[in-house]
Amino acid sequence: MALRIIFMGTPDFSVPTLAALKQAGHEIVAVYSQPPRPAGRRGLELVKSPVHQAAELLGIPVRTPVNFREEADREAFRALDADVAVVVAYGLLLPEAILSGTRLGCYNGHASLLPRWRGAAPIQRAIMAGDAETGMMVMKMDKGLDTGPVAMTSRIAITDTMTAGELHDKLMQAGGKLMAEAMGKLEAGDLPLTPQADDGVVYAAKIDKAETRIDFSRSARDVHNHIRGLSPFPGAWFELPIAGKPERVKVLASALAAETTAKPAGTVVDDHLTVACGDGGTVRLVRLQKAGGKPLDAGDFLRGTPVAAGQVLA
């Protein structure tokens, strides 16, 4: 028999898992998602989350409690009489009443190789740290922050050029397949659970705006990892004087360059936006975006905004 599943998720990342569970024949009795949020330039329109919209297209009822502090919301969850809850990027820490509110508990699709990168930003942090590998894991949730036992793993290599956006898309597709497989095993009573290791715990703190500015005094590889780990959002940036005013420029893609230099960090060393870094290495800025502008390849950017060799970026 198919499982009765409560699905809990909010962003685009969660949608493939919802679709995979539905396609596998499970009964999705309800979807929980974050409430509609103000959007648009004036913030006047309330926009439903991607999961909310996907659930409506599938004909699944959607619930959007702000939190589960109210006993009525907890009771409504339990009253669904579900076998299991599946959680993928829902956006709330779940209380014990929810974790134990189904027959088989809650299972989370997490985008890292736990216990490395527990927490809010595992995709970005893995790239920013220069990790060569990450993955999706299905874990049974407990009271801790991503501390529960692991059921299944799908590993994905991180190439030297991969951005957070590209890795996000690979992981969300892998996550859907993995969760569907895990729920099939759970239905059959054949889903193993392995406690996480005590060693190797690393936390993936939420990305703070204060850390998005590029620090060219770091090594070339660290600068490159920083740029691709924040691309496309929120975007690593530097300031460039344009029309006499400092203007923020996002860097959406970069490449490690072969040139070495003794010039100060942040110095543009050629006519192709190759920039000196703190270790004497260099990084080529490949794709850029001015505030309010569209993303441009470096050549197109330079035609509209000349940056001369010798100029220092900060």
Protein backbone atom coordinates (compact mmCIF):
# COMPACT_ATOMS: atom_id res chain seq x y z
CA MET A 1 0.00 0.00 0.00
CA ALA A 2 1.09 3.57 -0.67
CA LEU A 3 2.11 5.77 2.24
CA ARG A 4 -0.06 8.62 3.52
CA ILE A 5 2.41 11.53 3.38
CA ILE A 6 2.37 15.09 4.67
CA PHE A 7 4.79 17.11 2.53
CA MET A 8 6.46 20.20 4.01
CA GLY A 9 8.49 22.53 1.78
CA THR A 10 8.62 26.05 0.41
CA PRO A 11 11.11 26.99 -2.38
CA ASP A 12 11.78 25.68 -5.89
CA PHE A 13 14.30 23.27 -4.39
CA SER A 14 11.47 21.29 -2.76
CA VAL A 15 9.20 20.93 -5.81
CA PRO A 16 10.93 17.93 -7.50
CA THR A 17 10.59 15.91 -4.30
CA LEU A 18 6.87 16.64 -4.07
CA ALA A 19 6.46 15.64 -7.72
CA ALA A 20 8.53 12.46 -7.29
CA LEU A 21 6.47 11.31 -4.30
CA LYS A 22 3.23 11.94 -6.16
CA GLN A 23 4.52 10.11 -9.24
CA ALA A 24 5.58 7.16 -7.06
CA GLY A 25 1.93 6.67 -6.15
CA HIS A 26 1.96 7.86 -2.54
CA GLU A 27 -1.06 9.68 -1.16
CA ILE A 28 -0.08 13.28 -0.35
CA VAL A 29 -2.77 14.12 2.20
CA ALA A 30 -1.66 17.74 2.67
CA VAL A 31 1.15 20.14 1.84
CA TYR A 32 2.54 22.60 4.37
CA SER A 33 4.39 25.66 3.09
CA GLN A 34 5.41 29.11 4.28
CA PRO A 35 2.59 31.68 4.04
CA PRO A 36 2.33 33.89 0.93
CA ARG A 37 4.80 36.78 1.14
CA PRO A 38 4.72 40.34 -0.22
CA ALA A 39 6.49 40.63 -3.58
CA GLY A 40 6.98 43.11 -6.38
CA ARG A 41 8.63 46.51 -6.19
CA ARG A 42 6.03 47.91 -3.82
CA GLY A 43 5.43 44.69 -1.96
CA LEU A 44 1.70 44.99 -2.45
CA GLU A 45 1.04 41.56 -3.94
CA LEU A 46 1.06 38.39 -1.84
CA VAL A 47 2.79 35.58 -3.73
CA LYS A 48 2.40 31.90 -2.93
CA SER A 49 5.56 29.83 -2.57
CA PRO A 50 6.69 27.55 -5.41
CA VAL A 51 5.61 24.49 -3.41
CA HIS A 52 2.22 26.05 -2.69
CA GLN A 53 1.68 26.68 -6.39
CA ALA A 54 2.87 23.19 -7.36
CA ALA A 55 0.55 21.57 -4.80
CA GLU A 56 -2.46 23.47 -6.11
CA LEU A 57 -1.69 22.29 -9.65
CA LEU A 58 -1.64 18.72 -8.30
CA GLY A 59 -4.93 19.24 -6.48
CA ILE A 60 -3.40 18.81 -3.01
CA PRO A 61 -4.74 20.89 -0.10
CA VAL A 62 -2.22 23.43 1.25
CA ARG A 63 -1.79 24.73 4.79
CA THR A 64 0.33 27.76 5.67
CA PRO A 65 0.61 28.22 9.46
CA VAL A 66 3.06 30.89 10.55
CA ASN A 67 4.40 28.42 13.12
CA PHE A 68 3.15 25.51 15.21
CA ARG A 69 2.82 27.30 18.54
CA GLU A 70 -0.97 27.08 18.50
CA GLU A 71 -2.34 23.78 19.76
CA ALA A 72 -5.01 23.95 17.07
CA ASP A 73 -2.34 23.80 14.34
CA ARG A 74 -0.63 20.85 16.05
CA GLU A 75 -3.89 18.99 16.42
CA ALA A 76 -4.81 19.67 12.78
CA PHE A 77 -1.47 18.12 11.78
CA ARG A 78 -2.04 15.01 13.89
CA ALA A 79 -5.64 14.71 12.66
CA LEU A 80 -4.37 14.04 9.13
CA ASP A 81 -3.48 10.55 10.39
CA ALA A 82 -0.45 10.39 8.11
CA ASP A 83 2.12 7.62 8.02
CA VAL A 84 5.05 10.01 7.61
CA ALA A 85 5.99 13.65 7.01
CA VAL A 86 8.57 14.53 4.36
CA VAL A 87 10.37 17.84 4.90
CA VAL A 88 12.51 19.62 2.28
CA ALA A 89 13.54 23.24 2.90
CA TYR A 90 10.33 24.06 4.76
CA GLY A 91 11.80 27.02 6.62
CA LEU A 92 10.72 26.29 10.20
CA LEU A 93 12.24 24.35 13.06
CA LEU A 94 9.63 21.73 13.90
CA PRO A 95 8.55 21.16 17.51
CA GLU A 96 8.39 17.72 19.07
CA ALA A 97 4.61 17.66 18.62
CA ILE A 98 5.12 17.70 14.83
CA LEU A 99 8.16 15.42 14.77
CA SER A 100 6.09 12.78 16.54
CA GLY A 101 2.79 13.68 14.88
CA THR A 102 2.79 10.87 12.32
CA ARG A 103 3.03 7.09 12.64
CA LEU A 104 6.61 6.84 11.31
CA GLY A 105 7.99 10.31 12.09
CA CYS A 106 9.50 13.00 9.86
CA TYR A 107 12.12 12.49 7.16
CA ASN A 108 14.20 15.37 5.81
CA GLY A 109 15.93 15.80 2.46
CA HIS A 110 19.15 17.70 3.31
CA ALA A 111 21.65 19.07 0.78
CA SER A 112 24.97 18.02 2.28
CA LEU A 113 26.97 15.00 3.39
CA LEU A 114 26.06 15.13 7.07
CA PRO A 115 27.43 15.82 9.61
CA ARG A 116 29.28 18.32 7.41
CA TRP A 117 27.25 21.45 6.72
CA ARG A 118 24.35 21.15 9.08
CA GLY A 119 22.14 24.20 8.93
CA ALA A 120 20.77 26.86 6.61
CA ALA A 121 23.19 27.28 3.69
CA PRO A 122 24.88 23.93 2.93
CA ILE A 123 25.06 24.43 -0.85
CA GLN A 124 26.79 27.81 -0.73
CA ARG A 125 29.08 26.87 2.14
CA ALA A 126 30.31 23.70 0.45
CA ILE A 127 31.45 25.65 -2.61
CA MET A 128 32.86 28.58 -0.63
CA ALA A 129 34.96 26.11 1.37
CA GLY A 130 36.29 24.48 -1.79
CA ASP A 131 34.70 21.08 -1.15
CA ALA A 132 35.13 18.60 -4.00
CA GLU A 133 31.98 16.65 -3.17
CA THR A 134 28.58 17.05 -1.57
CA GLY A 135 25.26 15.27 -1.88
CA MET A 136 21.69 14.77 -0.79
CA MET A 137 20.83 12.82 2.32
CA VAL A 138 17.55 11.50 3.63
CA MET A 139 17.59 11.60 7.44
CA LYS A 140 15.04 10.92 10.15
CA MET A 141 14.50 14.17 12.02
CA ASP A 142 14.98 14.63 15.75
CA LYS A 143 15.07 17.67 18.04
CA GLY A 144 18.57 18.73 16.99
CA LEU A 145 19.66 20.79 13.99
CA ASP A 146 20.14 18.17 11.24
CA THR A 147 21.36 15.65 13.81
CA GLY A 148 19.11 12.67 13.10
CA PRO A 149 20.18 9.28 11.74
CA VAL A 150 20.81 9.01 7.99
CA ALA A 151 18.83 6.65 5.80
CA MET A 152 20.13 7.18 2.26
CA THR A 153 22.78 9.22 0.42
CA SER A 154 23.32 10.44 -3.15
CA ARG A 155 26.79 11.91 -3.78
CA ILE A 156 27.54 14.68 -6.29
CA ALA A 157 30.94 15.99 -7.38
CA ILE A 158 31.59 19.73 -7.22
CA THR A 159 33.70 20.83 -10.19
CA ASP A 160 36.09 23.80 -10.11
CA THR A 161 33.69 25.93 -12.15
CA MET A 162 30.34 24.93 -10.63
CA THR A 163 28.29 27.73 -9.11
CA ALA A 164 25.86 27.47 -6.23
CA GLY A 165 23.00 27.83 -8.70
CA GLU A 166 24.22 24.91 -10.80
CA LEU A 167 24.80 22.73 -7.76
CA HIS A 168 21.37 23.67 -6.39
CA ASP A 169 19.72 22.37 -9.56
CA LYS A 170 21.65 19.09 -9.52
CA LEU A 171 20.89 18.48 -5.87
CA MET A 172 17.18 19.22 -6.10
CA GLN A 173 16.74 16.67 -8.90
CA ALA A 174 18.83 14.09 -7.04
CA GLY A 175 16.84 14.81 -3.88
CA GLY A 176 13.53 14.02 -5.49
CA LYS A 177 14.71 10.63 -6.75
CA LEU A 178 16.40 9.79 -3.45
CA MET A 179 13.38 10.63 -1.30
CA ALA A 180 11.04 8.62 -3.54
CA GLU A 181 13.38 5.64 -3.22
CA ALA A 182 13.63 6.10 0.54
CA MET A 183 9.86 6.24 0.99
CA GLY A 184 9.53 3.07 -1.09
CA LYS A 185 11.90 1.34 1.31
CA LEU A 186 10.09 2.79 4.31
CA GLU A 187 6.79 1.45 2.95
CA ALA A 188 8.38 -1.98 2.63
CA GLY A 189 9.84 -1.80 6.14
CA ASP A 190 13.35 -1.90 4.71
CA LEU A 191 14.78 1.60 5.29
CA PRO A 192 18.07 1.46 7.26
CA LEU A 193 19.02 4.20 9.72
CA THR A 194 22.65 4.96 10.60
CA PRO A 195 23.61 7.44 13.34
CA GLN A 196 25.67 10.39 12.19
CA ALA A 197 29.36 10.41 13.05
CA ASP A 198 30.47 12.47 16.04
CA ASP A 199 33.48 13.79 14.11
CA GLY A 200 33.39 16.18 11.18
CA VAL A 201 30.49 18.34 12.33
CA VAL A 202 30.47 21.69 10.48
CA TYR A 203 27.67 24.26 10.53
CA ALA A 204 26.44 26.08 7.43
CA ALA A 205 25.42 29.47 8.80
CA LYS A 206 22.96 31.56 6.83
CA ILE A 207 24.74 33.84 4.34
CA ASP A 208 25.14 37.30 5.85
CA LYS A 209 25.13 40.34 3.57
CA ALA A 210 28.30 41.55 5.28
CA GLU A 211 30.31 38.61 3.89
CA THR A 212 29.28 39.00 0.25
CA ARG A 213 31.87 41.67 -0.61
CA ILE A 214 34.88 40.21 -2.43
CA ASP A 215 38.13 40.35 -0.46
CA PHE A 216 40.89 40.26 -3.06
CA SER A 217 43.51 40.00 -0.29
CA ARG A 218 42.58 36.33 0.02
CA SER A 219 44.13 33.66 -2.20
CA ALA A 220 42.99 33.45 -5.82
CA ARG A 221 41.31 30.10 -5.18
CA ASP A 222 39.47 31.45 -2.14
CA VAL A 223 38.25 34.45 -4.14
CA HIS A 224 37.09 32.19 -6.97
CA ASN A 225 35.28 29.86 -4.54
CA HIS A 226 33.66 32.85 -2.84
CA ILE A 227 32.34 34.18 -6.15
CA ARG A 228 30.90 30.90 -7.41
CA GLY A 229 29.54 29.98 -3.98
CA LEU A 230 27.40 33.14 -3.98
CA SER A 231 26.29 32.97 -7.62
CA PRO A 232 23.67 33.80 -8.68
CA PHE A 233 22.26 34.85 -5.32
CA PRO A 234 22.98 36.90 -3.32
CA GLY A 235 26.04 37.55 -5.49
CA ALA A 236 29.62 38.44 -4.55
CA TRP A 237 30.50 42.05 -5.38
CA PHE A 238 33.08 44.82 -5.48
CA GLU A 239 32.80 48.58 -5.87
CA LEU A 240 33.81 50.37 -9.06
CA PRO A 241 33.83 54.15 -9.59
CA ILE A 242 31.27 54.87 -12.33
CA ALA A 243 30.53 58.47 -13.33
CA GLY A 244 32.39 59.62 -10.24
CA LYS A 245 30.38 57.47 -7.83
CA PRO A 246 31.23 54.09 -6.31
CA GLU A 247 28.82 51.51 -7.74
CA ARG A 248 28.35 47.94 -6.65
CA VAL A 249 29.12 45.32 -9.32
CA LYS A 250 28.20 41.68 -8.82
CA VAL A 251 30.48 38.96 -10.17
CA LEU A 252 28.43 35.96 -11.28
CA ALA A 253 31.26 33.89 -12.75
CA SER A 254 35.04 33.81 -12.49
CA ALA A 255 37.98 31.64 -13.46
CA LEU A 256 41.37 30.97 -11.96
CA ALA A 257 43.92 32.61 -14.25
CA ALA A 258 47.41 31.37 -15.04
CA GLU A 259 49.10 34.73 -14.45
CA THR A 260 51.00 35.46 -11.26
CA THR A 261 51.80 38.97 -10.13
CA ALA A 262 53.53 41.03 -7.45
CA LYS A 263 50.95 43.81 -7.78
CA PRO A 264 48.77 44.70 -4.79
CA ALA A 265 45.62 42.66 -4.23
CA GLY A 266 42.66 44.02 -6.17
CA THR A 267 44.78 45.47 -8.99
CA VAL A 268 43.51 44.82 -12.53
CA VAL A 269 46.54 43.37 -14.34
CA ASP A 270 45.34 43.36 -17.97
CA ASP A 271 42.55 44.48 -20.30
CA HIS A 272 40.43 41.37 -19.64
CA LEU A 273 39.46 41.93 -16.00
CA THR A 274 42.14 39.71 -14.53
CA VAL A 275 42.63 40.76 -10.91
CA ALA A 276 45.55 40.27 -8.52
CA CYS A 277 44.86 38.37 -5.31
CA GLY A 278 46.65 38.20 -1.98
CA ASP A 279 48.75 35.12 -2.73
CA GLY A 280 50.13 36.47 -6.02
CA GLY A 281 47.63 34.47 -8.01
CA THR A 282 44.99 36.03 -10.22
CA VAL A 283 41.29 35.62 -10.93
CA ARG A 284 39.56 36.53 -14.18
CA LEU A 285 36.11 38.05 -13.75
CA VAL A 286 34.00 36.36 -16.41
CA ARG A 287 30.41 37.54 -15.93
CA LEU A 288 29.29 40.71 -14.17
CA GLN A 289 26.17 42.69 -13.38
CA LYS A 290 25.80 46.33 -12.41
CA ALA A 291 23.02 47.37 -10.04
CA GLY A 292 19.78 47.45 -12.01
CA GLY A 293 21.49 46.04 -15.11
CA LYS A 294 21.47 42.67 -16.79
CA PRO A 295 24.25 40.08 -16.47
CA LEU A 296 26.99 40.58 -19.07
CA ASP A 297 30.03 38.65 -20.18
CA ALA A 298 33.24 40.49 -19.36
CA GLY A 299 33.81 41.68 -22.94
CA ASP A 300 30.36 43.24 -23.19
CA PHE A 301 30.70 44.71 -19.70
CA LEU A 302 34.02 46.38 -20.60
CA ARG A 303 32.58 47.90 -23.77
CA GLY A 304 30.05 49.78 -21.67
CA THR A 305 32.19 50.26 -18.55
CA PRO A 306 35.92 50.47 -19.31
CA VAL A 307 38.22 49.17 -16.56
CA ALA A 308 41.86 49.91 -17.26
CA ALA A 309 44.85 47.81 -16.26
CA GLY A 310 46.28 49.23 -13.06
CA GLN A 311 42.92 50.17 -11.58
CA VAL A 312 42.33 48.81 -8.09
CA LEU A 313 39.04 47.13 -7.27
CA ALA A 314 37.75 47.25 -3.72
